Amino acid sequence: MPLYEFHCPGCGPFDLHRQMRDAAAVAPCPACDRPAQRRYRVGVGGLDTGPLRDAGRADRARVDRARSGEPAVTGPPAGRRLPGRGPHRH
């Protein structure tokens, strides 16, 4: 079963193993039984910013840059050829 992270406003973060069909956005805290919100972690292009709602302004800017359009470099490294280029041989 997948492991989901939740955050209780009184007790803090905790993890629960749940079936995917039972992965609701709210779960009772095992310590105090208060409703706890599920946290969503997002990884973008190798950036691990954790939950975006908890990320700082600089982290959000990095994620926005990673999601924006085409990459800055679209060819092989300067002075190097890509492998497999050249005459086709059988």
PDB file of N, CA and C in Angstrom:
ATOM      1  N   MET A   1       0.839  -1.186   0.000  1.00  0.00           N
ATOM      2  CA  MET A   1       0.000   0.000   0.000  1.00  0.00           C
ATOM      3  C   MET A   1       0.883   1.247   0.000  1.00  0.00           C
ATOM      4  N   PRO A   2       0.439   2.278  -0.690  1.00  0.00           N
ATOM      5  CA  PRO A   2       1.198   3.534  -0.716  1.00  0.00           C
ATOM      6  C   PRO A   2       1.202   4.212   0.653  1.00  0.00           C
ATOM      7  N   LEU A   3       2.234   4.995   0.871  1.00  0.00           N
ATOM      8  CA  LEU A   3       2.383   5.763   2.105  1.00  0.00           C
ATOM      9  C   LEU A   3       2.006   7.211   1.802  1.00  0.00           C
ATOM     10  N   TYR A   4       1.081   7.767   2.572  1.00  0.00           N
ATOM     11  CA  TYR A   4       0.628   9.136   2.371  1.00  0.00           C
ATOM     12  C   TYR A   4       1.006   9.974   3.585  1.00  0.00           C
ATOM     13  N   GLU A   5       1.337  11.235   3.336  1.00  0.00           N
ATOM     14  CA  GLU A   5       1.695  12.155   4.416  1.00  0.00           C
ATOM     15  C   GLU A   5       0.515  13.077   4.707  1.00  0.00           C
ATOM     16  N   PHE A   6       0.225  13.250   5.981  1.00  0.00           N
ATOM     17  CA  PHE A   6      -0.834  14.139   6.439  1.00  0.00           C
ATOM     18  C   PHE A   6      -0.246  15.121   7.446  1.00  0.00           C
ATOM     19  N   HIS A   7      -0.958  16.237   7.665  1.00  0.00           N
ATOM     20  CA  HIS A   7      -0.491  17.236   8.630  1.00  0.00           C
ATOM     21  C   HIS A   7      -1.643  17.620   9.551  1.00  0.00           C
ATOM     22  N   CYS A   8      -1.452  17.331  10.834  1.00  0.00           N
ATOM     23  CA  CYS A   8      -2.423  17.696  11.863  1.00  0.00           C
ATOM     24  C   CYS A   8      -2.071  19.092  12.371  1.00  0.00           C
ATOM     25  N   PRO A   9      -3.040  20.007  12.476  1.00  0.00           N
ATOM     26  CA  PRO A   9      -2.729  21.356  12.952  1.00  0.00           C
ATOM     27  C   PRO A   9      -2.207  21.379  14.390  1.00  0.00           C
ATOM     28  N   GLY A  10      -2.537  20.378  15.198  1.00  0.00           N
ATOM     29  CA  GLY A  10      -2.077  20.362  16.582  1.00  0.00           C
ATOM     30  C   GLY A  10      -0.832  19.516  16.812  1.00  0.00           C
ATOM     31  N   CYS A  11      -0.732  18.387  16.112  1.00  0.00           N
ATOM     32  CA  CYS A  11       0.354  17.424  16.373  1.00  0.00           C
ATOM     33  C   CYS A  11       1.462  17.442  15.325  1.00  0.00           C
ATOM     34  N   GLY A  12       1.201  17.998  14.151  1.00  0.00           N
ATOM     35  CA  GLY A  12       2.218  18.036  13.099  1.00  0.00           C
ATOM     36  C   GLY A  12       2.061  16.909  12.091  1.00  0.00           C
ATOM     37  N   PRO A  13       3.126  16.634  11.324  1.00  0.00           N
ATOM     38  CA  PRO A  13       3.028  15.656  10.238  1.00  0.00           C
ATOM     39  C   PRO A  13       3.031  14.209  10.748  1.00  0.00           C
ATOM     40  N   PHE A  14       2.339  13.349   9.983  1.00  0.00           N
ATOM     41  CA  PHE A  14       2.369  11.908  10.232  1.00  0.00           C
ATOM     42  C   PHE A  14       2.098  11.200   8.911  1.00  0.00           C
ATOM     43  N   ASP A  15       2.472   9.932   8.829  1.00  0.00           N
ATOM     44  CA  ASP A  15       2.300   9.133   7.617  1.00  0.00           C
ATOM     45  C   ASP A  15       1.285   8.026   7.869  1.00  0.00           C
ATOM     46  N   LEU A  16       0.527   7.687   6.818  1.00  0.00           N
ATOM     47  CA  LEU A  16      -0.434   6.589   6.882  1.00  0.00           C
ATOM     48  C   LEU A  16      -0.292   5.721   5.645  1.00  0.00           C
ATOM     49  N   HIS A  17      -0.317   4.401   5.839  1.00  0.00           N
ATOM     50  CA  HIS A  17      -0.421   3.472   4.711  1.00  0.00           C
ATOM     51  C   HIS A  17      -1.906   3.305   4.422  1.00  0.00           C
ATOM     52  N   ARG A  18      -2.295   3.570   3.170  1.00  0.00           N
ATOM     53  CA  ARG A  18      -3.700   3.442   2.781  1.00  0.00           C
ATOM     54  C   ARG A  18      -3.784   2.909   1.367  1.00  0.00           C
ATOM     55  N   GLN A  19      -4.885   2.259   1.060  1.00  0.00           N
ATOM     56  CA  GLN A  19      -5.130   1.868  -0.317  1.00  0.00           C
ATOM     57  C   GLN A  19      -5.416   3.129  -1.114  1.00  0.00           C
ATOM     58  N   MET A  20      -5.121   3.083  -2.400  1.00  0.00           N
ATOM     59  CA  MET A  20      -5.303   4.283  -3.230  1.00  0.00           C
ATOM     60  C   MET A  20      -6.748   4.750  -3.219  1.00  0.00           C
ATOM     61  N   ARG A  21      -7.684   3.822  -3.194  1.00  0.00           N
ATOM     62  CA  ARG A  21      -9.098   4.226  -3.198  1.00  0.00           C
ATOM     63  C   ARG A  21      -9.498   4.915  -1.895  1.00  0.00           C
ATOM     64  N   ASP A  22      -8.716   4.712  -0.827  1.00  0.00           N
ATOM     65  CA  ASP A  22      -9.010   5.323   0.470  1.00  0.00           C
ATOM     66  C   ASP A  22      -8.144   6.542   0.759  1.00  0.00           C
ATOM     67  N   ALA A  23      -7.395   7.009  -0.207  1.00  0.00           N
ATOM     68  CA  ALA A  23      -6.466   8.131   0.003  1.00  0.00           C
ATOM     69  C   ALA A  23      -7.224   9.452  -0.060  1.00  0.00           C
ATOM     70  N   ALA A  24      -8.030   9.697   0.939  1.00  0.00           N
ATOM     71  CA  ALA A  24      -8.823  10.930   0.987  1.00  0.00           C
ATOM     72  C   ALA A  24      -7.925  12.112   1.315  1.00  0.00           C
ATOM     73  N   ALA A  25      -8.458  13.313   1.101  1.00  0.00           N
ATOM     74  CA  ALA A  25      -7.702  14.529   1.389  1.00  0.00           C
ATOM     75  C   ALA A  25      -7.657  14.812   2.889  1.00  0.00           C
ATOM     76  N   VAL A  26      -8.511  14.149   3.665  1.00  0.00           N
ATOM     77  CA  VAL A  26      -8.560  14.358   5.114  1.00  0.00           C
ATOM     78  C   VAL A  26      -8.543  12.994   5.804  1.00  0.00           C
ATOM     79  N   ALA A  27      -7.793  12.901   6.913  1.00  0.00           N
ATOM     80  CA  ALA A  27      -7.748  11.676   7.723  1.00  0.00           C
ATOM     81  C   ALA A  27      -7.666  12.078   9.188  1.00  0.00           C
ATOM     82  N   PRO A  28      -8.184  11.247  10.079  1.00  0.00           N
ATOM     83  CA  PRO A  28      -8.079  11.582  11.502  1.00  0.00           C
ATOM     84  C   PRO A  28      -6.648  11.389  11.996  1.00  0.00           C
ATOM     85  N   CYS A  29      -6.179  12.307  12.812  1.00  0.00           N
ATOM     86  CA  CYS A  29      -4.849  12.211  13.409  1.00  0.00           C
ATOM     87  C   CYS A  29      -4.833  11.025  14.374  1.00  0.00           C
ATOM     88  N   PRO A  30      -3.806  10.159  14.304  1.00  0.00           N
ATOM     89  CA  PRO A  30      -3.774   9.001  15.203  1.00  0.00           C
ATOM     90  C   PRO A  30      -3.554   9.388  16.676  1.00  0.00           C
ATOM     91  N   ALA A  31      -3.021  10.579  16.939  1.00  0.00           N
ATOM     92  CA  ALA A  31      -2.751  10.996  18.318  1.00  0.00           C
ATOM     93  C   ALA A  31      -3.945  11.696  18.966  1.00  0.00           C
ATOM     94  N   CYS A  32      -4.592  12.619  18.219  1.00  0.00           N
ATOM     95  CA  CYS A  32      -5.654  13.428  18.834  1.00  0.00           C
ATOM     96  C   CYS A  32      -7.012  13.288  18.146  1.00  0.00           C
ATOM     97  N   ASP A  33      -7.065  12.551  17.036  1.00  0.00           N
ATOM     98  CA  ASP A  33      -8.301  12.289  16.288  1.00  0.00           C
ATOM     99  C   ASP A  33      -8.882  13.526  15.595  1.00  0.00           C
ATOM    100  N   ARG A  34      -8.107  14.616  15.524  1.00  0.00           N
ATOM    101  CA  ARG A  34      -8.559  15.800  14.782  1.00  0.00           C
ATOM    102  C   ARG A  34      -8.387  15.556  13.288  1.00  0.00           C
ATOM    103  N   PRO A  35      -9.171  16.231  12.428  1.00  0.00           N
ATOM    104  CA  PRO A  35      -8.992  16.072  10.981  1.00  0.00           C
ATOM    105  C   PRO A  35      -7.643  16.638  10.534  1.00  0.00           C
ATOM    106  N   ALA A  36      -6.941  15.870   9.731  1.00  0.00           N
ATOM    107  CA  ALA A  36      -5.628  16.279   9.222  1.00  0.00           C
ATOM    108  C   ALA A  36      -5.672  16.295   7.700  1.00  0.00           C
ATOM    109  N   GLN A  37      -5.087  17.325   7.109  1.00  0.00           N
ATOM    110  CA  GLN A  37      -5.056  17.480   5.659  1.00  0.00           C
ATOM    111  C   GLN A  37      -3.931  16.650   5.052  1.00  0.00           C
ATOM    112  N   ARG A  38      -4.197  16.049   3.905  1.00  0.00           N
ATOM    113  CA  ARG A  38      -3.166  15.312   3.188  1.00  0.00           C
ATOM    114  C   ARG A  38      -2.217  16.308   2.541  1.00  0.00           C
ATOM    115  N   ARG A  39      -0.918  16.016   2.579  1.00  0.00           N
ATOM    116  CA  ARG A  39       0.097  16.859   1.940  1.00  0.00           C
ATOM    117  C   ARG A  39       0.498  16.207   0.633  1.00  0.00           C
ATOM    118  N   TYR A  40       0.733  17.036  -0.364  1.00  0.00           N
ATOM    119  CA  TYR A  40       1.148  16.559  -1.676  1.00  0.00           C
ATOM    120  C   TYR A  40       2.557  17.042  -1.950  1.00  0.00           C
ATOM    121  N   ARG A  41       3.440  16.114  -2.282  1.00  0.00           N
ATOM    122  CA  ARG A  41       4.817  16.471  -2.641  1.00  0.00           C
ATOM    123  C   ARG A  41       4.932  16.428  -4.152  1.00  0.00           C
ATOM    124  N   VAL A  42       5.643  17.405  -4.681  1.00  0.00           N
ATOM    125  CA  VAL A  42       5.801  17.513  -6.124  1.00  0.00           C
ATOM    126  C   VAL A  42       7.275  17.624  -6.452  1.00  0.00           C
ATOM    127  N   GLY A  43       7.746  16.770  -7.341  1.00  0.00           N
ATOM    128  CA  GLY A  43       9.114  16.868  -7.849  1.00  0.00           C
ATOM    129  C   GLY A  43       9.069  17.298  -9.302  1.00  0.00           C
ATOM    130  N   VAL A  44       9.815  18.306  -9.662  1.00  0.00           N
ATOM    131  CA  VAL A  44       9.799  18.825 -11.026  1.00  0.00           C
ATOM    132  C   VAL A  44      11.215  18.844 -11.564  1.00  0.00           C
ATOM    133  N   GLY A  45      11.473  18.044 -12.575  1.00  0.00           N
ATOM    134  CA  GLY A  45      12.767  18.080 -13.246  1.00  0.00           C
ATOM    135  C   GLY A  45      13.956  17.970 -12.312  1.00  0.00           C
ATOM    136  N   GLY A  46      13.884  17.099 -11.338  1.00  0.00           N
ATOM    137  CA  GLY A  46      14.996  16.929 -10.423  1.00  0.00           C
ATOM    138  C   GLY A  46      14.993  17.904  -9.262  1.00  0.00           C
ATOM    139  N   LEU A  47      14.049  18.819  -9.232  1.00  0.00           N
ATOM    140  CA  LEU A  47      13.954  19.750  -8.104  1.00  0.00           C
ATOM    141  C   LEU A  47      13.051  19.134  -7.055  1.00  0.00           C
ATOM    142  N   ASP A  48      13.518  19.012  -5.843  1.00  0.00           N
ATOM    143  CA  ASP A  48      12.691  18.489  -4.767  1.00  0.00           C
ATOM    144  C   ASP A  48      12.347  19.647  -3.845  1.00  0.00           C
ATOM    145  N   THR A  49      11.199  20.255  -4.087  1.00  0.00           N
ATOM    146  CA  THR A  49      10.811  21.423  -3.305  1.00  0.00           C
ATOM    147  C   THR A  49       9.879  21.059  -2.167  1.00  0.00           C
ATOM    148  N   GLY A  50       9.491  19.788  -2.055  1.00  0.00           N
ATOM    149  CA  GLY A  50       8.533  19.411  -1.029  1.00  0.00           C
ATOM    150  C   GLY A  50       7.167  19.959  -1.397  1.00  0.00           C
ATOM    151  N   PRO A  51       6.278  20.088  -0.434  1.00  0.00           N
ATOM    152  CA  PRO A  51       4.959  20.627  -0.753  1.00  0.00           C
ATOM    153  C   PRO A  51       5.077  22.062  -1.260  1.00  0.00           C
ATOM    154  N   LEU A  52       4.477  22.338  -2.407  1.00  0.00           N
ATOM    155  CA  LEU A  52       4.603  23.671  -2.999  1.00  0.00           C
ATOM    156  C   LEU A  52       3.990  24.743  -2.114  1.00  0.00           C
ATOM    157  N   ARG A  53       2.961  24.399  -1.381  1.00  0.00           N
ATOM    158  CA  ARG A  53       2.351  25.431  -0.532  1.00  0.00           C
ATOM    159  C   ARG A  53       3.270  25.825   0.611  1.00  0.00           C
ATOM    160  N   ASP A  54       4.253  24.960   0.958  1.00  0.00           N
ATOM    161  CA  ASP A  54       5.200  25.269   2.017  1.00  0.00           C
ATOM    162  C   ASP A  54       6.524  25.794   1.472  1.00  0.00           C
ATOM    163  N   ALA A  55       6.673  25.792   0.162  1.00  0.00           N
ATOM    164  CA  ALA A  55       7.934  26.226  -0.440  1.00  0.00           C
ATOM    165  C   ALA A  55       8.061  27.742  -0.349  1.00  0.00           C
ATOM    166  N   GLY A  56       9.289  28.202  -0.253  1.00  0.00           N
ATOM    167  CA  GLY A  56       9.539  29.634  -0.211  1.00  0.00           C
ATOM    168  C   GLY A  56       9.439  30.252  -1.593  1.00  0.00           C
ATOM    169  N   ARG A  57       9.528  31.556  -1.647  1.00  0.00           N
ATOM    170  CA  ARG A  57       9.418  32.278  -2.913  1.00  0.00           C
ATOM    171  C   ARG A  57      10.510  31.858  -3.894  1.00  0.00           C
ATOM    172  N   ALA A  58      11.745  31.671  -3.408  1.00  0.00           N
ATOM    173  CA  ALA A  58      12.850  31.269  -4.289  1.00  0.00           C
ATOM    174  C   ALA A  58      12.595  29.882  -4.867  1.00  0.00           C
ATOM    175  N   ASP A  59      12.060  28.957  -4.053  1.00  0.00           N
ATOM    176  CA  ASP A  59      11.758  27.616  -4.552  1.00  0.00           C
ATOM    177  C   ASP A  59      10.660  27.659  -5.605  1.00  0.00           C
ATOM    178  N   ARG A  60       9.635  28.464  -5.380  1.00  0.00           N
ATOM    179  CA  ARG A  60       8.563  28.575  -6.375  1.00  0.00           C
ATOM    180  C   ARG A  60       9.096  29.126  -7.687  1.00  0.00           C
ATOM    181  N   ALA A  61      10.022  30.092  -7.617  1.00  0.00           N
ATOM    182  CA  ALA A  61      10.613  30.660  -8.832  1.00  0.00           C
ATOM    183  C   ALA A  61      11.401  29.592  -9.582  1.00  0.00           C
ATOM    184  N   ARG A  62      12.133  28.720  -8.866  1.00  0.00           N
ATOM    185  CA  ARG A  62      12.876  27.639  -9.520  1.00  0.00           C
ATOM    186  C   ARG A  62      11.925  26.671 -10.215  1.00  0.00           C
ATOM    187  N   VAL A  63      10.817  26.349  -9.574  1.00  0.00           N
ATOM    188  CA  VAL A  63       9.837  25.451 -10.177  1.00  0.00           C
ATOM    189  C   VAL A  63       9.227  26.102 -11.409  1.00  0.00           C
ATOM    190  N   ASP A  64       8.880  27.383 -11.330  1.00  0.00           N
ATOM    191  CA  ASP A  64       8.313  28.085 -12.484  1.00  0.00           C
ATOM    192  C   ASP A  64       9.287  28.095 -13.652  1.00  0.00           C
ATOM    193  N   ARG A  65      10.583  28.343 -13.378  1.00  0.00           N
ATOM    194  CA  ARG A  65      11.582  28.323 -14.450  1.00  0.00           C
ATOM    195  C   ARG A  65      11.694  26.933 -15.063  1.00  0.00           C
ATOM    196  N   ALA A  66      11.637  25.897 -14.233  1.00  0.00           N
ATOM    197  CA  ALA A  66      11.750  24.527 -14.735  1.00  0.00           C
ATOM    198  C   ALA A  66      10.561  24.157 -15.608  1.00  0.00           C
ATOM    199  N   ARG A  67       9.393  24.701 -15.311  1.00  0.00           N
ATOM    200  CA  ARG A  67       8.189  24.377 -16.081  1.00  0.00           C
ATOM    201  C   ARG A  67       8.030  25.243 -17.332  1.00  0.00           C
ATOM    202  N   SER A  68       8.772  26.309 -17.455  1.00  0.00           N
ATOM    203  CA  SER A  68       8.538  27.261 -18.535  1.00  0.00           C
ATOM    204  C   SER A  68       9.212  26.829 -19.832  1.00  0.00           C
ATOM    205  N   GLY A  69       8.411  26.584 -20.825  1.00  0.00           N
ATOM    206  CA  GLY A  69       8.842  26.396 -22.205  1.00  0.00           C
ATOM    207  C   GLY A  69      10.023  25.496 -22.475  1.00  0.00           C
ATOM    208  N   GLU A  70      10.763  25.859 -23.498  1.00  0.00           N
ATOM    209  CA  GLU A  70      11.882  25.081 -24.000  1.00  0.00           C
ATOM    210  C   GLU A  70      13.123  25.258 -23.142  1.00  0.00           C
ATOM    211  N   PRO A  71      13.988  24.244 -23.122  1.00  0.00           N
ATOM    212  CA  PRO A  71      15.248  24.392 -22.387  1.00  0.00           C
ATOM    213  C   PRO A  71      16.165  25.391 -23.068  1.00  0.00           C
ATOM    214  N   ALA A  72      17.087  25.962 -22.308  1.00  0.00           N
ATOM    215  CA  ALA A  72      18.001  26.961 -22.858  1.00  0.00           C
ATOM    216  C   ALA A  72      19.003  26.330 -23.818  1.00  0.00           C
ATOM    217  N   VAL A  73      19.425  25.083 -23.583  1.00  0.00           N
ATOM    218  CA  VAL A  73      20.383  24.395 -24.443  1.00  0.00           C
ATOM    219  C   VAL A  73      19.658  23.258 -25.134  1.00  0.00           C
ATOM    220  N   THR A  74      19.684  23.248 -26.465  1.00  0.00           N
ATOM    221  CA  THR A  74      18.949  22.223 -27.196  1.00  0.00           C
ATOM    222  C   THR A  74      19.833  21.361 -28.077  1.00  0.00           C
ATOM    223  N   GLY A  75      21.134  21.542 -28.044  1.00  0.00           N
ATOM    224  CA  GLY A  75      22.031  20.759 -28.882  1.00  0.00           C
ATOM    225  C   GLY A  75      23.079  20.049 -28.060  1.00  0.00           C
ATOM    226  N   PRO A  76      24.040  19.423 -28.743  1.00  0.00           N
ATOM    227  CA  PRO A  76      25.105  18.735 -28.017  1.00  0.00           C
ATOM    228  C   PRO A  76      26.012  19.742 -27.317  1.00  0.00           C
ATOM    229  N   PRO A  77      26.782  19.300 -26.337  1.00  0.00           N
ATOM    230  CA  PRO A  77      27.723  20.198 -25.675  1.00  0.00           C
ATOM    231  C   PRO A  77      28.698  20.791 -26.690  1.00  0.00           C
ATOM    232  N   ALA A  78      29.157  22.005 -26.454  1.00  0.00           N
ATOM    233  CA  ALA A  78      30.049  22.694 -27.390  1.00  0.00           C
ATOM    234  C   ALA A  78      31.293  21.851 -27.671  1.00  0.00           C
ATOM    235  N   GLY A  79      31.631  21.710 -28.955  1.00  0.00           N
ATOM    236  CA  GLY A  79      32.831  20.994 -29.358  1.00  0.00           C
ATOM    237  C   GLY A  79      32.695  19.482 -29.342  1.00  0.00           C
ATOM    238  N   ARG A  80      31.510  18.955 -29.086  1.00  0.00           N
ATOM    239  CA  ARG A  80      31.324  17.504 -29.062  1.00  0.00           C
ATOM    240  C   ARG A  80      30.195  17.114 -29.992  1.00  0.00           C
ATOM    241  N   ARG A  81      30.339  15.965 -30.624  1.00  0.00           N
ATOM    242  CA  ARG A  81      29.278  15.450 -31.485  1.00  0.00           C
ATOM    243  C   ARG A  81      28.477  14.414 -30.720  1.00  0.00           C
ATOM    244  N   LEU A  82      27.232  14.296 -31.086  1.00  0.00           N
ATOM    245  CA  LEU A  82      26.399  13.278 -30.471  1.00  0.00           C
ATOM    246  C   LEU A  82      26.788  11.908 -31.007  1.00  0.00           C
ATOM    247  N   PRO A  83      26.745  10.855 -30.194  1.00  0.00           N
ATOM    248  CA  PRO A  83      27.065   9.521 -30.687  1.00  0.00           C
ATOM    249  C   PRO A  83      26.060   9.083 -31.738  1.00  0.00           C
ATOM    250  N   GLY A  84      26.535   8.311 -32.686  1.00  0.00           N
ATOM    251  CA  GLY A  84      25.656   7.790 -33.724  1.00  0.00           C
ATOM    252  C   GLY A  84      25.482   8.727 -34.902  1.00  0.00           C
ATOM    253  N   ARG A  85      26.099   9.868 -34.888  1.00  0.00           N
ATOM    254  CA  ARG A  85      25.988  10.789 -36.018  1.00  0.00           C
ATOM    255  C   ARG A  85      27.054  10.436 -37.051  1.00  0.00           C
ATOM    256  N   GLY A  86      26.740  10.608 -38.271  1.00  0.00           N
ATOM    257  CA  GLY A  86      27.693  10.302 -39.334  1.00  0.00           C
ATOM    258  C   GLY A  86      27.061   9.351 -40.332  1.00  0.00           C
ATOM    259  N   PRO A  87      27.875   8.754 -41.217  1.00  0.00           N
ATOM    260  CA  PRO A  87      27.319   7.861 -42.237  1.00  0.00           C
ATOM    261  C   PRO A  87      26.631   6.656 -41.594  1.00  0.00           C
ATOM    262  N   HIS A  88      25.514   6.278 -42.172  1.00  0.00           N
ATOM    263  CA  HIS A  88      24.770   5.128 -41.682  1.00  0.00           C
ATOM    264  C   HIS A  88      25.418   3.856 -42.210  1.00  0.00           C
ATOM    265  N   ARG A  89      25.730   2.916 -41.332  1.00  0.00           N
ATOM    266  CA  ARG A  89      26.366   1.660 -41.740  1.00  0.00           C
ATOM    267  C   ARG A  89      25.524   0.492 -41.270  1.00  0.00           C
ATOM    268  N   HIS A  90      25.499  -0.567 -42.112  1.00  0.00           N
ATOM    269  CA  HIS A  90      24.794  -1.805 -41.740  1.00  0.00           C
ATOM    270  C   HIS A  90      25.774  -2.831 -41.303  1.00  0.00           C
TER     271      HIS A  90
END
